[in-house]
Every structure is written in C-alpha cells, then in structure tokens.
N, C-alpha and C. Protein backbone atom coordinates (compact mmCIF):
# COMPACT_ATOMS: atom_id res chain seq x y z
N MET A 1 17.36 -55.45 14.41
CA MET A 1 16.71 -54.21 14.78
C MET A 1 15.20 -54.36 14.65
N ASN A 2 14.51 -53.71 15.54
CA ASN A 2 13.06 -53.66 15.50
C ASN A 2 12.63 -52.24 15.17
N TYR A 3 11.55 -52.13 14.41
CA TYR A 3 11.02 -50.83 14.03
C TYR A 3 9.60 -50.69 14.56
N PHE A 4 9.29 -49.51 15.09
CA PHE A 4 7.97 -49.20 15.60
C PHE A 4 7.51 -47.88 14.99
N ILE A 5 6.23 -47.61 15.09
CA ILE A 5 5.67 -46.35 14.62
C ILE A 5 5.08 -45.63 15.83
N ASP A 6 5.42 -44.34 16.00
CA ASP A 6 4.88 -43.60 17.14
C ASP A 6 3.56 -42.93 16.77
N TYR A 7 3.01 -42.18 17.72
CA TYR A 7 1.69 -41.56 17.56
C TYR A 7 1.63 -40.52 16.46
N GLU A 8 2.78 -40.02 16.02
CA GLU A 8 2.84 -39.06 14.93
C GLU A 8 3.26 -39.70 13.61
N GLY A 9 3.34 -41.02 13.59
CA GLY A 9 3.69 -41.74 12.37
C GLY A 9 5.18 -41.84 12.08
N ARG A 10 6.01 -41.47 13.05
CA ARG A 10 7.46 -41.56 12.87
C ARG A 10 7.95 -42.99 13.12
N SER A 11 8.95 -43.40 12.37
CA SER A 11 9.58 -44.70 12.57
C SER A 11 10.59 -44.58 13.71
N VAL A 12 10.52 -45.52 14.66
CA VAL A 12 11.40 -45.52 15.83
C VAL A 12 12.13 -46.86 15.86
N ILE A 13 13.44 -46.82 16.02
CA ILE A 13 14.28 -48.01 15.95
C ILE A 13 14.67 -48.49 17.34
N LEU A 14 14.58 -49.81 17.55
CA LEU A 14 15.10 -50.43 18.77
C LEU A 14 16.20 -51.40 18.35
N ASP A 15 17.43 -51.08 18.71
CA ASP A 15 18.59 -51.92 18.41
C ASP A 15 18.62 -53.11 19.37
N GLU A 16 19.04 -54.25 18.88
CA GLU A 16 19.11 -55.47 19.71
C GLU A 16 20.04 -55.27 20.91
N GLU A 17 21.14 -54.58 20.71
CA GLU A 17 22.08 -54.34 21.81
C GLU A 17 21.43 -53.52 22.92
N VAL A 18 20.69 -52.49 22.54
CA VAL A 18 19.98 -51.67 23.54
C VAL A 18 18.96 -52.52 24.28
N LYS A 19 18.22 -53.33 23.54
CA LYS A 19 17.21 -54.19 24.16
C LYS A 19 17.85 -55.12 25.19
N ASN A 20 18.98 -55.73 24.84
CA ASN A 20 19.65 -56.64 25.77
C ASN A 20 20.19 -55.92 27.00
N ILE A 21 20.68 -54.71 26.82
CA ILE A 21 21.16 -53.93 27.97
C ILE A 21 20.00 -53.59 28.90
N VAL A 22 18.88 -53.18 28.33
CA VAL A 22 17.70 -52.86 29.15
C VAL A 22 17.24 -54.09 29.92
N PHE A 23 17.17 -55.24 29.25
CA PHE A 23 16.75 -56.47 29.92
C PHE A 23 17.67 -56.83 31.08
N SER A 24 18.96 -56.57 30.94
CA SER A 24 19.88 -56.88 32.02
C SER A 24 19.73 -55.91 33.19
N LYS A 25 19.42 -54.64 32.89
CA LYS A 25 19.25 -53.63 33.95
C LYS A 25 17.84 -53.64 34.55
N HIS A 26 16.85 -53.94 33.72
CA HIS A 26 15.44 -53.92 34.13
C HIS A 26 14.76 -55.23 33.72
N PRO A 27 15.11 -56.35 34.37
CA PRO A 27 14.57 -57.65 33.95
C PRO A 27 13.03 -57.73 34.03
N GLU A 28 12.43 -56.87 34.83
CA GLU A 28 10.96 -56.86 34.93
C GLU A 28 10.29 -56.45 33.62
N THR A 29 11.05 -55.81 32.73
CA THR A 29 10.46 -55.38 31.46
C THR A 29 10.35 -56.52 30.45
N LEU A 30 11.04 -57.60 30.68
CA LEU A 30 11.09 -58.70 29.72
C LEU A 30 9.69 -59.21 29.36
N GLU A 31 8.84 -59.40 30.35
CA GLU A 31 7.50 -59.94 30.06
C GLU A 31 6.56 -58.90 29.47
N PHE A 32 6.98 -57.64 29.44
CA PHE A 32 6.13 -56.58 28.91
C PHE A 32 6.70 -55.95 27.63
N ILE A 33 7.55 -56.68 26.92
CA ILE A 33 8.20 -56.15 25.72
C ILE A 33 7.17 -55.72 24.67
N ASP A 34 6.02 -56.37 24.65
CA ASP A 34 4.98 -56.01 23.69
C ASP A 34 4.40 -54.62 23.94
N ARG A 35 4.67 -54.05 25.10
CA ARG A 35 4.12 -52.74 25.45
C ARG A 35 4.87 -51.60 24.78
N ILE A 36 6.03 -51.88 24.21
CA ILE A 36 6.77 -50.82 23.50
C ILE A 36 5.92 -50.27 22.37
N ALA A 37 5.43 -51.15 21.52
CA ALA A 37 4.64 -50.72 20.36
C ALA A 37 3.38 -49.97 20.78
N ILE A 38 2.69 -50.48 21.79
CA ILE A 38 1.45 -49.85 22.26
C ILE A 38 1.74 -48.46 22.84
N THR A 39 2.80 -48.37 23.64
CA THR A 39 3.15 -47.10 24.28
C THR A 39 3.55 -46.04 23.27
N LEU A 40 4.34 -46.41 22.28
CA LEU A 40 4.75 -45.45 21.25
C LEU A 40 3.56 -45.02 20.39
N ARG A 41 2.73 -45.96 19.99
CA ARG A 41 1.63 -45.68 19.07
C ARG A 41 0.48 -44.95 19.75
N ASN A 42 0.25 -45.28 21.03
CA ASN A 42 -0.92 -44.76 21.73
C ASN A 42 -0.58 -44.36 23.18
N PRO A 43 0.31 -43.37 23.35
CA PRO A 43 0.73 -42.99 24.71
C PRO A 43 -0.36 -42.22 25.45
N ASP A 44 -0.25 -42.20 26.78
CA ASP A 44 -1.11 -41.33 27.59
C ASP A 44 -0.56 -39.91 27.59
N ILE A 45 0.77 -39.83 27.64
CA ILE A 45 1.43 -38.52 27.69
C ILE A 45 2.84 -38.66 27.13
N VAL A 46 3.32 -37.60 26.49
CA VAL A 46 4.70 -37.54 25.98
C VAL A 46 5.33 -36.28 26.55
N LYS A 47 6.50 -36.44 27.15
CA LYS A 47 7.20 -35.31 27.76
C LYS A 47 8.59 -35.17 27.15
N ARG A 48 9.10 -33.94 27.18
CA ARG A 48 10.48 -33.69 26.76
C ARG A 48 11.38 -33.91 27.98
N SER A 49 12.51 -34.50 27.75
CA SER A 49 13.50 -34.70 28.80
C SER A 49 13.96 -33.34 29.33
N LYS A 50 14.20 -33.27 30.63
CA LYS A 50 14.72 -32.04 31.22
C LYS A 50 16.21 -31.86 30.90
N THR A 51 16.88 -32.94 30.52
CA THR A 51 18.33 -32.87 30.28
C THR A 51 18.71 -32.76 28.81
N SER A 52 17.78 -33.12 27.89
CA SER A 52 18.12 -33.04 26.47
C SER A 52 16.87 -32.78 25.64
N LYS A 53 16.92 -31.76 24.81
CA LYS A 53 15.78 -31.44 23.94
C LYS A 53 15.56 -32.49 22.87
N ARG A 54 16.55 -33.34 22.64
CA ARG A 54 16.43 -34.39 21.63
C ARG A 54 15.74 -35.65 22.17
N VAL A 55 15.42 -35.67 23.46
CA VAL A 55 14.89 -36.88 24.09
C VAL A 55 13.44 -36.67 24.51
N LYS A 56 12.60 -37.67 24.16
CA LYS A 56 11.19 -37.66 24.53
C LYS A 56 10.88 -38.91 25.35
N LEU A 57 10.01 -38.74 26.33
CA LEU A 57 9.58 -39.86 27.16
C LEU A 57 8.11 -40.12 26.88
N TYR A 58 7.80 -41.32 26.42
CA TYR A 58 6.44 -41.75 26.12
C TYR A 58 5.94 -42.58 27.29
N TYR A 59 4.81 -42.21 27.87
CA TYR A 59 4.24 -42.90 29.03
C TYR A 59 2.89 -43.50 28.68
N ARG A 60 2.65 -44.71 29.15
CA ARG A 60 1.32 -45.30 29.05
C ARG A 60 1.08 -46.12 30.31
N PHE A 61 -0.08 -45.91 30.94
CA PHE A 61 -0.44 -46.63 32.16
C PHE A 61 -1.08 -47.96 31.80
N PHE A 62 -0.65 -49.03 32.49
CA PHE A 62 -1.22 -50.36 32.31
C PHE A 62 -1.59 -50.91 33.68
N ILE A 63 -2.84 -51.25 33.86
CA ILE A 63 -3.31 -51.79 35.14
C ILE A 63 -2.70 -53.16 35.44
N ASP A 64 -2.33 -53.90 34.39
CA ASP A 64 -1.80 -55.25 34.59
C ASP A 64 -0.28 -55.31 34.74
N ILE A 65 0.39 -54.18 34.76
CA ILE A 65 1.84 -54.18 35.02
C ILE A 65 2.05 -53.87 36.50
N LEU A 66 2.49 -54.88 37.22
CA LEU A 66 2.83 -54.74 38.65
C LEU A 66 1.73 -54.00 39.42
N GLN A 67 0.50 -54.38 39.20
CA GLN A 67 -0.68 -53.84 39.89
C GLN A 67 -0.93 -52.37 39.58
N GLY A 68 -0.54 -51.94 38.39
CA GLY A 68 -0.83 -50.59 37.94
C GLY A 68 0.39 -49.69 37.91
N LYS A 69 1.09 -49.68 36.78
CA LYS A 69 2.29 -48.84 36.62
C LYS A 69 2.33 -48.27 35.20
N TYR A 70 3.20 -47.29 35.02
CA TYR A 70 3.46 -46.74 33.70
C TYR A 70 4.59 -47.51 33.03
N PHE A 71 4.42 -47.77 31.75
CA PHE A 71 5.51 -48.27 30.91
C PHE A 71 6.06 -47.04 30.20
N VAL A 72 7.35 -46.84 30.24
CA VAL A 72 7.99 -45.66 29.67
C VAL A 72 8.96 -46.08 28.57
N VAL A 73 8.86 -45.41 27.42
CA VAL A 73 9.81 -45.63 26.34
C VAL A 73 10.51 -44.30 26.10
N VAL A 74 11.84 -44.31 26.18
CA VAL A 74 12.65 -43.11 26.01
C VAL A 74 13.24 -43.13 24.59
N VAL A 75 12.93 -42.08 23.84
CA VAL A 75 13.33 -42.01 22.43
C VAL A 75 14.23 -40.80 22.22
N LYS A 76 15.36 -41.04 21.57
CA LYS A 76 16.30 -39.96 21.27
C LYS A 76 16.37 -39.76 19.76
N GLN A 77 16.38 -38.50 19.36
CA GLN A 77 16.50 -38.17 17.94
C GLN A 77 17.94 -37.83 17.60
N VAL A 78 18.55 -38.66 16.78
CA VAL A 78 19.89 -38.41 16.24
C VAL A 78 19.79 -38.83 14.78
N GLU A 79 19.48 -37.90 13.92
CA GLU A 79 19.14 -38.14 12.52
C GLU A 79 17.84 -38.93 12.41
N GLN A 80 17.79 -40.11 13.04
CA GLN A 80 16.56 -40.90 13.12
C GLN A 80 16.14 -40.96 14.58
N TYR A 81 15.03 -41.66 14.84
CA TYR A 81 14.54 -41.81 16.21
C TYR A 81 14.93 -43.19 16.72
N TYR A 82 15.59 -43.21 17.88
CA TYR A 82 16.08 -44.46 18.47
C TYR A 82 15.57 -44.59 19.90
N ILE A 83 15.19 -45.79 20.28
CA ILE A 83 14.85 -46.06 21.67
C ILE A 83 16.16 -46.20 22.43
N SER A 84 16.32 -45.37 23.48
CA SER A 84 17.55 -45.45 24.27
C SER A 84 17.35 -46.32 25.51
N THR A 85 16.11 -46.41 26.00
CA THR A 85 15.79 -47.30 27.11
C THR A 85 14.27 -47.40 27.24
N PHE A 86 13.84 -48.32 28.07
CA PHE A 86 12.44 -48.43 28.46
C PHE A 86 12.41 -49.03 29.85
N TYR A 87 11.38 -48.67 30.63
CA TYR A 87 11.32 -49.11 32.01
C TYR A 87 9.91 -48.95 32.54
N ILE A 88 9.71 -49.39 33.77
CA ILE A 88 8.41 -49.32 34.45
C ILE A 88 8.56 -48.36 35.62
N THR A 89 7.54 -47.50 35.82
CA THR A 89 7.59 -46.53 36.91
C THR A 89 6.18 -46.31 37.45
N ASP A 90 6.10 -45.71 38.63
CA ASP A 90 4.78 -45.45 39.22
C ASP A 90 4.31 -44.02 39.01
N LYS A 91 5.17 -43.16 38.43
CA LYS A 91 4.71 -41.79 38.21
C LYS A 91 5.38 -41.17 36.99
N VAL A 92 4.74 -40.15 36.46
CA VAL A 92 5.25 -39.40 35.31
C VAL A 92 6.19 -38.32 35.84
N LYS A 93 7.36 -38.20 35.21
CA LYS A 93 8.33 -37.18 35.63
C LYS A 93 7.82 -35.78 35.29
N GLU A 94 8.37 -34.80 36.00
CA GLU A 94 8.05 -33.41 35.70
C GLU A 94 8.72 -33.04 34.38
N GLY A 95 8.19 -32.00 33.76
CA GLY A 95 8.79 -31.53 32.52
C GLY A 95 7.75 -31.06 31.54
N GLU A 96 8.23 -30.58 30.41
CA GLU A 96 7.36 -30.03 29.38
C GLU A 96 6.53 -31.12 28.72
N ILE A 97 5.22 -30.91 28.68
CA ILE A 97 4.32 -31.85 28.02
C ILE A 97 4.30 -31.52 26.53
N LEU A 98 4.63 -32.51 25.71
CA LEU A 98 4.62 -32.34 24.25
C LEU A 98 3.29 -32.79 23.66
N TRP A 99 2.67 -33.77 24.29
CA TRP A 99 1.39 -34.31 23.81
C TRP A 99 0.72 -35.01 24.98
N GLN A 100 -0.60 -34.94 25.04
CA GLN A 100 -1.34 -35.62 26.09
C GLN A 100 -2.67 -36.09 25.54
N ARG A 101 -3.06 -37.30 25.90
CA ARG A 101 -4.33 -37.86 25.46
C ARG A 101 -5.48 -37.07 26.07
N ASN A 102 -6.48 -36.78 25.26
CA ASN A 102 -7.69 -36.13 25.77
C ASN A 102 -8.62 -37.20 26.30
N GLU A 103 -8.96 -37.09 27.55
CA GLU A 103 -9.84 -38.10 28.17
C GLU A 103 -11.28 -37.88 27.78
C-alpha cells in the first residue's frame, strides 16, 4: 500500500491491487504515477462526485502530460480515504466545487 497526504492533510491510501487495475485500464498513466502525490497535495480544483457524496475528484493540469491534460485522482471515503482510480482527461467534470486554487 502507498500512502499520500492531500491538501487538507488527510492520509489517502492507494492499494496495490487498485493501482494494477488502473494501469491495465489506463496504461497511459503508468509514466505519470508520480503525479498522484502532486495532484492530491496541490490540486487545481477538487469536486464532489455527482453520483456519490463520499467521492471527491482531485484535478491538476500538467502541460507535459499528452501536450496539456488534467491528471485526476478519485478518492472515496469509507472510514478512511482510498484512491479508487486515477486517469488523464482534457476537461474538468461538472459538479460541486469543494476547493479551488486561487490564481
């Protein structure tokens, strides 16, 4: 298991099994695994999932990911905070903003 700290100082767990599943579904994330820690600790924006109040999506834009994309870390709270997936996208989903970086 890997442990990370988010922008509010919470410990977030990434299970090896989850990591391997993500790599099989999203192989493009393999070379950007180091972005999990950066995205959780210093996100551009954090949104609540539209489907579950227990799920938060942490977004951070990186110019060097596929010519400019967001790295997204999805965290679910079930007693503790767990990463349920992570992926690369070109836009932030709609939904309630929980936190946003002041430019």
